Amino acid sequence: MQIFVGLGNPGAKYAHNRHNIGFMAIDRIAEEHGFAPWKSRFQGLVSEGRIGNEKLLLLKPQTFMNLSGQSVGEAMRFYKLDTTDITVFHDELDLAPGKLRVKHGGGHAGHNGLRSIHDHIGPHYTRVRLGIGHPGHKDRVAAYVLHDFAKSDADWLDDVLRGCADGAPDLARGDTGRFLNAVALRVKPPRSSTTPDPKPRAKPASPKPEPRPEAPETPPKEDARSPLQKLVDRFR
């Protein structure tokens, strides 16, 4: 058994925040793979199901972000799982919007949800880092992550979430390469052979017309006049 955890803050006020992209990913996985209805458990909301031969528990802590580890630790201990059975989906400031990376172990990089999970179960779990971009200055980070995604983000966000659902079976099997490829196929689908090339090709230069051969000069006619006639014509 494994636990896929999505990080976010509970309540409608935060539902569309950038900080809640982890919740969004888990919701899409539950929807696309026919998981059971959500119910309250382990200080969070849980949904059980299977993806292939893998039994999964989806978990959305309801403790608010900075206490997420309480919920994750409680669920892990109940099922007697190891930290390597935990995969956490979370927002990542250091990745551009639409980018995604998988990381095994390591630090929390100041993310409050990961910091709490570190405190309760240690660092040896898998993270799916969902890029949301950076506001440009650390003083603007709090307002940025607690603000809703812009309307212009809708397309890439939907592609990433659908890609996470597509690749969930591969992630559950531990094949992170195929998981990342599933997301990439949604975000940047291969161009069909019938798709016009966005860069118009330069037209081949037209061949220069060959110069026409010049007509040969007509040789002057022989003057058949007599000397007397030439003299008369000269003074006319």
C-alpha atoms as a PDB file:
ATOM      1  CA  MET A   1       0.000   0.000   0.000  1.00  0.00           C
ATOM      2  CA  GLN A   2       1.076   3.564  -0.667  1.00  0.00           C
ATOM      3  CA  ILE A   3      -0.152   7.008   0.336  1.00  0.00           C
ATOM      4  CA  PHE A   4      -0.327   9.868  -2.159  1.00  0.00           C
ATOM      5  CA  VAL A   5      -0.541  13.142  -0.225  1.00  0.00           C
ATOM      6  CA  GLY A   6      -1.662  16.461  -1.674  1.00  0.00           C
ATOM      7  CA  LEU A   7      -0.710  19.627   0.201  1.00  0.00           C
ATOM      8  CA  GLY A   8      -2.930  22.671   0.545  1.00  0.00           C
ATOM      9  CA  ASN A   9      -5.129  24.612   2.927  1.00  0.00           C
ATOM     10  CA  PRO A  10      -8.717  23.534   3.703  1.00  0.00           C
ATOM     11  CA  GLY A  11     -11.810  25.565   2.868  1.00  0.00           C
ATOM     12  CA  ALA A  12     -13.354  27.286  -0.135  1.00  0.00           C
ATOM     13  CA  LYS A  13     -11.348  30.450   0.543  1.00  0.00           C
ATOM     14  CA  TYR A  14      -8.131  28.684  -0.442  1.00  0.00           C
ATOM     15  CA  ALA A  15      -9.464  26.178  -2.985  1.00  0.00           C
ATOM     16  CA  HIS A  16      -7.989  27.861  -6.073  1.00  0.00           C
ATOM     17  CA  ASN A  17      -4.799  29.225  -4.493  1.00  0.00           C
ATOM     18  CA  ARG A  18      -1.428  28.404  -6.009  1.00  0.00           C
ATOM     19  CA  HIS A  19      -0.527  26.850  -2.649  1.00  0.00           C
ATOM     20  CA  ASN A  20      -3.321  24.285  -3.205  1.00  0.00           C
ATOM     21  CA  ILE A  21      -2.053  22.741  -6.421  1.00  0.00           C
ATOM     22  CA  GLY A  22      -1.223  19.588  -4.427  1.00  0.00           C
ATOM     23  CA  PHE A  23      -4.892  19.203  -3.455  1.00  0.00           C
ATOM     24  CA  MET A  24      -5.857  19.774  -7.098  1.00  0.00           C
ATOM     25  CA  ALA A  25      -3.544  17.013  -8.344  1.00  0.00           C
ATOM     26  CA  ILE A  26      -4.879  14.497  -5.814  1.00  0.00           C
ATOM     27  CA  ASP A  27      -8.474  15.424  -6.658  1.00  0.00           C
ATOM     28  CA  ARG A  28      -7.817  14.816 -10.367  1.00  0.00           C
ATOM     29  CA  ILE A  29      -6.221  11.415  -9.677  1.00  0.00           C
ATOM     30  CA  ALA A  30      -9.236  10.396  -7.549  1.00  0.00           C
ATOM     31  CA  GLU A  31     -11.648  11.552 -10.253  1.00  0.00           C
ATOM     32  CA  GLU A  32      -9.887   9.939 -13.221  1.00  0.00           C
ATOM     33  CA  HIS A  33      -9.270   6.582 -11.511  1.00  0.00           C
ATOM     34  CA  GLY A  34     -12.640   6.101  -9.833  1.00  0.00           C
ATOM     35  CA  PHE A  35     -11.579   6.301  -6.202  1.00  0.00           C
ATOM     36  CA  ALA A  36     -14.068   6.037  -3.324  1.00  0.00           C
ATOM     37  CA  PRO A  37     -15.835   9.152  -1.980  1.00  0.00           C
ATOM     38  CA  TRP A  38     -13.795  11.331   0.361  1.00  0.00           C
ATOM     39  CA  LYS A  39     -14.215  10.831   4.086  1.00  0.00           C
ATOM     40  CA  SER A  40     -12.713  12.390   7.196  1.00  0.00           C
ATOM     41  CA  ARG A  41      -9.843  10.477   8.755  1.00  0.00           C
ATOM     42  CA  PHE A  42      -6.305  11.058  10.083  1.00  0.00           C
ATOM     43  CA  GLN A  43      -6.968  14.812  10.505  1.00  0.00           C
ATOM     44  CA  GLY A  44      -7.633  14.974   6.789  1.00  0.00           C
ATOM     45  CA  LEU A  45      -9.771  13.780   3.922  1.00  0.00           C
ATOM     46  CA  VAL A  46      -9.006  10.340   2.503  1.00  0.00           C
ATOM     47  CA  SER A  47     -10.089   8.343  -0.522  1.00  0.00           C
ATOM     48  CA  GLU A  48      -9.169   4.705  -1.154  1.00  0.00           C
ATOM     49  CA  GLY A  49      -8.754   2.913  -4.447  1.00  0.00           C
ATOM     50  CA  ARG A  50      -6.545   0.910  -6.748  1.00  0.00           C
ATOM     51  CA  ILE A  51      -4.475   1.834  -9.754  1.00  0.00           C
ATOM     52  CA  GLY A  52      -3.572  -1.383 -11.503  1.00  0.00           C
ATOM     53  CA  ASN A  53      -2.317  -3.773  -8.847  1.00  0.00           C
ATOM     54  CA  GLU A  54      -1.387  -0.959  -6.466  1.00  0.00           C
ATOM     55  CA  LYS A  55      -3.604  -0.120  -3.505  1.00  0.00           C
ATOM     56  CA  LEU A  56      -3.515   3.598  -2.763  1.00  0.00           C
ATOM     57  CA  LEU A  57      -4.755   5.951  -0.091  1.00  0.00           C
ATOM     58  CA  LEU A  58      -5.155   9.531  -1.237  1.00  0.00           C
ATOM     59  CA  LEU A  59      -4.790  12.034   1.599  1.00  0.00           C
ATOM     60  CA  LYS A  60      -5.501  15.772   1.831  1.00  0.00           C
ATOM     61  CA  PRO A  61      -4.485  17.034   5.313  1.00  0.00           C
ATOM     62  CA  GLN A  62      -7.033  19.426   6.796  1.00  0.00           C
ATOM     63  CA  THR A  63      -4.691  20.811   9.446  1.00  0.00           C
ATOM     64  CA  PHE A  64      -3.558  23.794   7.339  1.00  0.00           C
ATOM     65  CA  MET A  65      -0.273  23.697   5.475  1.00  0.00           C
ATOM     66  CA  ASN A  66       2.178  24.238   8.321  1.00  0.00           C
ATOM     67  CA  LEU A  67       0.793  21.259  10.295  1.00  0.00           C
ATOM     68  CA  SER A  68       0.465  18.802   7.401  1.00  0.00           C
ATOM     69  CA  GLY A  69       2.915  16.372   8.989  1.00  0.00           C
ATOM     70  CA  GLN A  70       0.480  15.522  11.775  1.00  0.00           C
ATOM     71  CA  SER A  71      -1.984  14.031   9.303  1.00  0.00           C
ATOM     72  CA  VAL A  72       0.654  12.284   7.195  1.00  0.00           C
ATOM     73  CA  GLY A  73       2.391  10.776  10.224  1.00  0.00           C
ATOM     74  CA  GLU A  74      -0.863   9.488  11.701  1.00  0.00           C
ATOM     75  CA  ALA A  75      -1.897   7.761   8.453  1.00  0.00           C
ATOM     76  CA  MET A  76       1.565   6.261   7.908  1.00  0.00           C
ATOM     77  CA  ARG A  77       1.738   4.804  11.416  1.00  0.00           C
ATOM     78  CA  PHE A  78      -1.805   3.401  11.220  1.00  0.00           C
ATOM     79  CA  TYR A  79      -0.988   1.362   8.114  1.00  0.00           C
ATOM     80  CA  LYS A  80       2.524   0.518   9.382  1.00  0.00           C
ATOM     81  CA  LEU A  81       4.123   1.951   6.282  1.00  0.00           C
ATOM     82  CA  ASP A  82       7.644   3.174   5.668  1.00  0.00           C
ATOM     83  CA  THR A  83       8.475   6.739   4.644  1.00  0.00           C
ATOM     84  CA  THR A  84       9.386   5.427   1.184  1.00  0.00           C
ATOM     85  CA  ASP A  85       5.690   4.521   0.730  1.00  0.00           C
ATOM     86  CA  ILE A  86       4.730   8.203   0.909  1.00  0.00           C
ATOM     87  CA  THR A  87       4.544  10.505  -2.127  1.00  0.00           C
ATOM     88  CA  VAL A  88       3.740  14.188  -1.580  1.00  0.00           C
ATOM     89  CA  PHE A  89       2.394  16.532  -4.287  1.00  0.00           C
ATOM     90  CA  HIS A  90       3.185  20.176  -3.526  1.00  0.00           C
ATOM     91  CA  ASP A  91       3.650  23.618  -5.076  1.00  0.00           C
ATOM     92  CA  GLU A  92       7.203  24.577  -6.069  1.00  0.00           C
ATOM     93  CA  LEU A  93       8.330  28.199  -6.388  1.00  0.00           C
ATOM     94  CA  ASP A  94      11.662  27.285  -7.971  1.00  0.00           C
ATOM     95  CA  LEU A  95      10.059  25.730 -11.059  1.00  0.00           C
ATOM     96  CA  ALA A  96       8.365  27.675 -13.829  1.00  0.00           C
ATOM     97  CA  PRO A  97       4.594  27.272 -14.197  1.00  0.00           C
ATOM     98  CA  GLY A  98       3.822  24.025 -15.994  1.00  0.00           C
ATOM     99  CA  LYS A  99       7.153  22.411 -15.076  1.00  0.00           C
ATOM    100  CA  LEU A 100       7.236  19.319 -12.873  1.00  0.00           C
ATOM    101  CA  ARG A 101       9.973  17.318 -11.157  1.00  0.00           C
ATOM    102  CA  VAL A 102      10.109  14.220  -8.934  1.00  0.00           C
ATOM    103  CA  LYS A 103      12.524  14.172  -6.012  1.00  0.00           C
ATOM    104  CA  HIS A 104      13.356  11.396  -3.564  1.00  0.00           C
ATOM    105  CA  GLY A 105      14.432  12.646  -0.142  1.00  0.00           C
ATOM    106  CA  GLY A 106      16.342  15.857   0.477  1.00  0.00           C
ATOM    107  CA  GLY A 107      15.564  19.100   2.264  1.00  0.00           C
ATOM    108  CA  HIS A 108      12.304  21.028   2.529  1.00  0.00           C
ATOM    109  CA  ALA A 109      13.676  24.280   0.986  1.00  0.00           C
ATOM    110  CA  GLY A 110      11.583  26.371   3.381  1.00  0.00           C
ATOM    111  CA  HIS A 111       8.228  24.953   2.286  1.00  0.00           C
ATOM    112  CA  ASN A 112       6.077  24.928   5.443  1.00  0.00           C
ATOM    113  CA  GLY A 113       4.147  21.807   4.504  1.00  0.00           C
ATOM    114  CA  LEU A 114       7.303  19.823   3.772  1.00  0.00           C
ATOM    115  CA  ARG A 115       8.965  21.188   6.907  1.00  0.00           C
ATOM    116  CA  SER A 116       6.093  19.796   9.003  1.00  0.00           C
ATOM    117  CA  ILE A 117       6.275  16.413   7.250  1.00  0.00           C
ATOM    118  CA  HIS A 118      10.030  16.314   7.879  1.00  0.00           C
ATOM    119  CA  ASP A 119       9.360  16.902  11.581  1.00  0.00           C
ATOM    120  CA  HIS A 120       6.897  13.989  11.782  1.00  0.00           C
ATOM    121  CA  ILE A 121       8.266  11.293   9.465  1.00  0.00           C
ATOM    122  CA  GLY A 122      11.728  12.442   8.366  1.00  0.00           C
ATOM    123  CA  PRO A 123      12.990  13.385   4.874  1.00  0.00           C
ATOM    124  CA  HIS A 124      12.972  10.013   3.112  1.00  0.00           C
ATOM    125  CA  TYR A 125       9.786  10.303   1.072  1.00  0.00           C
ATOM    126  CA  THR A 126       9.062  11.154  -2.562  1.00  0.00           C
ATOM    127  CA  ARG A 127       7.976  14.629  -3.647  1.00  0.00           C
ATOM    128  CA  VAL A 128       6.220  15.626  -6.851  1.00  0.00           C
ATOM    129  CA  ARG A 129       7.219  19.262  -7.276  1.00  0.00           C
ATOM    130  CA  LEU A 130       4.566  21.175  -9.215  1.00  0.00           C
ATOM    131  CA  GLY A 131       5.962  24.417 -10.585  1.00  0.00           C
ATOM    132  CA  ILE A 132       4.020  27.624  -9.965  1.00  0.00           C
ATOM    133  CA  GLY A 133       6.799  30.143 -10.654  1.00  0.00           C
ATOM    134  CA  HIS A 134       8.241  32.798  -8.338  1.00  0.00           C
ATOM    135  CA  PRO A 135       6.905  36.335  -7.821  1.00  0.00           C
ATOM    136  CA  GLY A 136      10.436  37.730  -8.116  1.00  0.00           C
ATOM    137  CA  HIS A 137      11.098  38.776  -4.522  1.00  0.00           C
ATOM    138  CA  LYS A 138      10.907  36.801  -1.290  1.00  0.00           C
ATOM    139  CA  ASP A 139       8.786  39.501   0.369  1.00  0.00           C
ATOM    140  CA  ARG A 140       5.987  38.787  -2.121  1.00  0.00           C
ATOM    141  CA  VAL A 141       6.010  34.994  -1.757  1.00  0.00           C
ATOM    142  CA  ALA A 142       3.314  34.698   0.954  1.00  0.00           C
ATOM    143  CA  ALA A 143       0.801  36.816  -0.966  1.00  0.00           C
ATOM    144  CA  TYR A 144       1.680  35.067  -4.215  1.00  0.00           C
ATOM    145  CA  VAL A 145       1.113  31.477  -3.053  1.00  0.00           C
ATOM    146  CA  LEU A 146      -2.079  32.423  -1.196  1.00  0.00           C
ATOM    147  CA  HIS A 147      -3.550  34.038  -4.287  1.00  0.00           C
ATOM    148  CA  ASP A 148      -5.688  32.254  -6.888  1.00  0.00           C
ATOM    149  CA  PHE A 149      -4.212  31.135 -10.179  1.00  0.00           C
ATOM    150  CA  ALA A 150      -4.744  33.688 -12.943  1.00  0.00           C
ATOM    151  CA  LYS A 151      -7.197  32.960 -15.746  1.00  0.00           C
ATOM    152  CA  SER A 152      -4.240  32.798 -18.123  1.00  0.00           C
ATOM    153  CA  ASP A 153      -2.915  29.823 -16.115  1.00  0.00           C
ATOM    154  CA  ALA A 154      -5.983  27.679 -16.781  1.00  0.00           C
ATOM    155  CA  ASP A 155      -4.683  25.795 -19.827  1.00  0.00           C
ATOM    156  CA  TRP A 156      -1.265  24.743 -18.558  1.00  0.00           C
ATOM    157  CA  LEU A 157      -2.679  23.981 -15.110  1.00  0.00           C
ATOM    158  CA  ASP A 158      -5.300  21.630 -16.545  1.00  0.00           C
ATOM    159  CA  ASP A 159      -2.648  19.943 -18.691  1.00  0.00           C
ATOM    160  CA  VAL A 160      -0.405  19.333 -15.675  1.00  0.00           C
ATOM    161  CA  LEU A 161      -3.250  17.937 -13.551  1.00  0.00           C
ATOM    162  CA  ARG A 162      -4.429  15.645 -16.344  1.00  0.00           C
ATOM    163  CA  GLY A 163      -0.846  14.531 -16.854  1.00  0.00           C
ATOM    164  CA  CYS A 164      -0.525  13.645 -13.158  1.00  0.00           C
ATOM    165  CA  ALA A 165      -3.651  11.493 -13.427  1.00  0.00           C
ATOM    166  CA  ASP A 166      -2.396   9.862 -16.641  1.00  0.00           C
ATOM    167  CA  GLY A 167       0.948   9.023 -15.080  1.00  0.00           C
ATOM    168  CA  ALA A 168      -0.305   7.974 -11.636  1.00  0.00           C
ATOM    169  CA  PRO A 169      -0.058   4.223 -12.445  1.00  0.00           C
ATOM    170  CA  ASP A 170       3.599   4.673 -13.424  1.00  0.00           C
ATOM    171  CA  LEU A 171       4.340   6.728 -10.321  1.00  0.00           C
ATOM    172  CA  ALA A 172       2.743   4.059  -8.121  1.00  0.00           C
ATOM    173  CA  ARG A 173       5.002   1.448  -9.744  1.00  0.00           C
ATOM    174  CA  GLY A 174       8.039   3.609  -9.062  1.00  0.00           C
ATOM    175  CA  ASP A 175       8.648   4.457 -12.723  1.00  0.00           C
ATOM    176  CA  THR A 176       9.200   8.187 -12.411  1.00  0.00           C
ATOM    177  CA  GLY A 177      10.496   8.471 -15.976  1.00  0.00           C
ATOM    178  CA  ARG A 178       7.235   7.244 -17.487  1.00  0.00           C
ATOM    179  CA  PHE A 179       5.290   9.414 -15.054  1.00  0.00           C
ATOM    180  CA  LEU A 180       7.159  12.539 -16.157  1.00  0.00           C
ATOM    181  CA  ASN A 181       6.695  11.539 -19.783  1.00  0.00           C
ATOM    182  CA  ALA A 182       2.923  11.239 -19.268  1.00  0.00           C
ATOM    183  CA  VAL A 183       2.846  14.807 -17.963  1.00  0.00           C
ATOM    184  CA  ALA A 184       5.058  16.050 -20.792  1.00  0.00           C
ATOM    185  CA  LEU A 185       2.700  14.538 -23.372  1.00  0.00           C
ATOM    186  CA  ARG A 186      -0.129  16.620 -21.929  1.00  0.00           C
ATOM    187  CA  VAL A 187       1.843  19.831 -21.554  1.00  0.00           C
ATOM    188  CA  LYS A 188       3.675  19.587 -24.895  1.00  0.00           C
ATOM    189  CA  PRO A 189       1.944  17.031 -27.124  1.00  0.00           C
ATOM    190  CA  PRO A 190       3.939  15.898 -30.163  1.00  0.00           C
ATOM    191  CA  ARG A 191       3.137  17.798 -33.341  1.00  0.00           C
ATOM    192  CA  SER A 192       1.290  15.807 -35.992  1.00  0.00           C
ATOM    193  CA  SER A 193       2.809  15.409 -39.436  1.00  0.00           C
ATOM    194  CA  THR A 194      -0.198  17.328 -40.754  1.00  0.00           C
ATOM    195  CA  THR A 195       0.374  20.278 -38.438  1.00  0.00           C
ATOM    196  CA  PRO A 196       1.686  23.249 -40.398  1.00  0.00           C
ATOM    197  CA  ASP A 197       5.220  24.316 -39.573  1.00  0.00           C
ATOM    198  CA  PRO A 198       4.954  27.498 -37.441  1.00  0.00           C
ATOM    199  CA  LYS A 199       8.116  28.868 -39.097  1.00  0.00           C
ATOM    200  CA  PRO A 200       7.489  29.481 -42.802  1.00  0.00           C
ATOM    201  CA  ARG A 201      10.284  28.165 -44.930  1.00  0.00           C
ATOM    202  CA  ALA A 202      12.100  30.585 -47.195  1.00  0.00           C
ATOM    203  CA  LYS A 203      11.030  30.306 -50.815  1.00  0.00           C
ATOM    204  CA  PRO A 204      13.763  29.054 -53.132  1.00  0.00           C
ATOM    205  CA  ALA A 205      15.285  31.820 -55.210  1.00  0.00           C
ATOM    206  CA  SER A 206      13.928  31.963 -58.720  1.00  0.00           C
ATOM    207  CA  PRO A 207      16.597  31.169 -61.332  1.00  0.00           C
ATOM    208  CA  LYS A 208      17.824  34.239 -63.164  1.00  0.00           C
ATOM    209  CA  PRO A 209      16.784  34.257 -66.834  1.00  0.00           C
ATOM    210  CA  GLU A 210      19.664  33.558 -69.138  1.00  0.00           C
ATOM    211  CA  PRO A 211      20.540  36.531 -71.330  1.00  0.00           C
ATOM    212  CA  ARG A 212      19.277  36.261 -74.879  1.00  0.00           C
ATOM    213  CA  PRO A 213      21.990  36.020 -77.513  1.00  0.00           C
ATOM    214  CA  GLU A 214      22.449  39.319 -79.309  1.00  0.00           C
ATOM    215  CA  ALA A 215      21.438  39.387 -82.955  1.00  0.00           C
ATOM    216  CA  PRO A 216      24.478  39.556 -85.286  1.00  0.00           C
ATOM    217  CA  GLU A 217      25.107  42.933 -86.812  1.00  0.00           C
ATOM    218  CA  THR A 218      23.990  43.327 -90.419  1.00  0.00           C
ATOM    219  CA  PRO A 219      27.025  43.959 -92.608  1.00  0.00           C
ATOM    220  CA  PRO A 220      26.894  47.294 -94.438  1.00  0.00           C
ATOM    221  CA  LYS A 221      25.724  47.186 -98.036  1.00  0.00           C
ATOM    222  CA  GLU A 222      28.268  47.864-100.752  1.00  0.00           C
ATOM    223  CA  ASP A 223      27.889  51.411-102.254  1.00  0.00           C
ATOM    224  CA  ALA A 224      27.282  50.923-105.996  1.00  0.00           C
ATOM    225  CA  ARG A 225      27.201  54.695-106.899  1.00  0.00           C
ATOM    226  CA  SER A 226      29.655  56.172-109.379  1.00  0.00           C
ATOM    227  CA  PRO A 227      32.127  58.828-108.211  1.00  0.00           C
ATOM    228  CA  LEU A 228      30.153  61.500-110.056  1.00  0.00           C
ATOM    229  CA  GLN A 229      26.915  60.440-108.401  1.00  0.00           C
ATOM    230  CA  LYS A 230      28.590  60.486-104.968  1.00  0.00           C
ATOM    231  CA  LEU A 231      29.753  64.062-105.586  1.00  0.00           C
ATOM    232  CA  VAL A 232      26.291  65.173-106.719  1.00  0.00           C
ATOM    233  CA  ASP A 233      24.637  63.534-103.680  1.00  0.00           C
ATOM    234  CA  ARG A 234      27.138  65.231-101.372  1.00  0.00           C
ATOM    235  CA  PHE A 235      26.078  68.745-102.450  1.00  0.00           C
ATOM    236  CA  ARG A 236      22.329  68.211-102.524  1.00  0.00           C
END
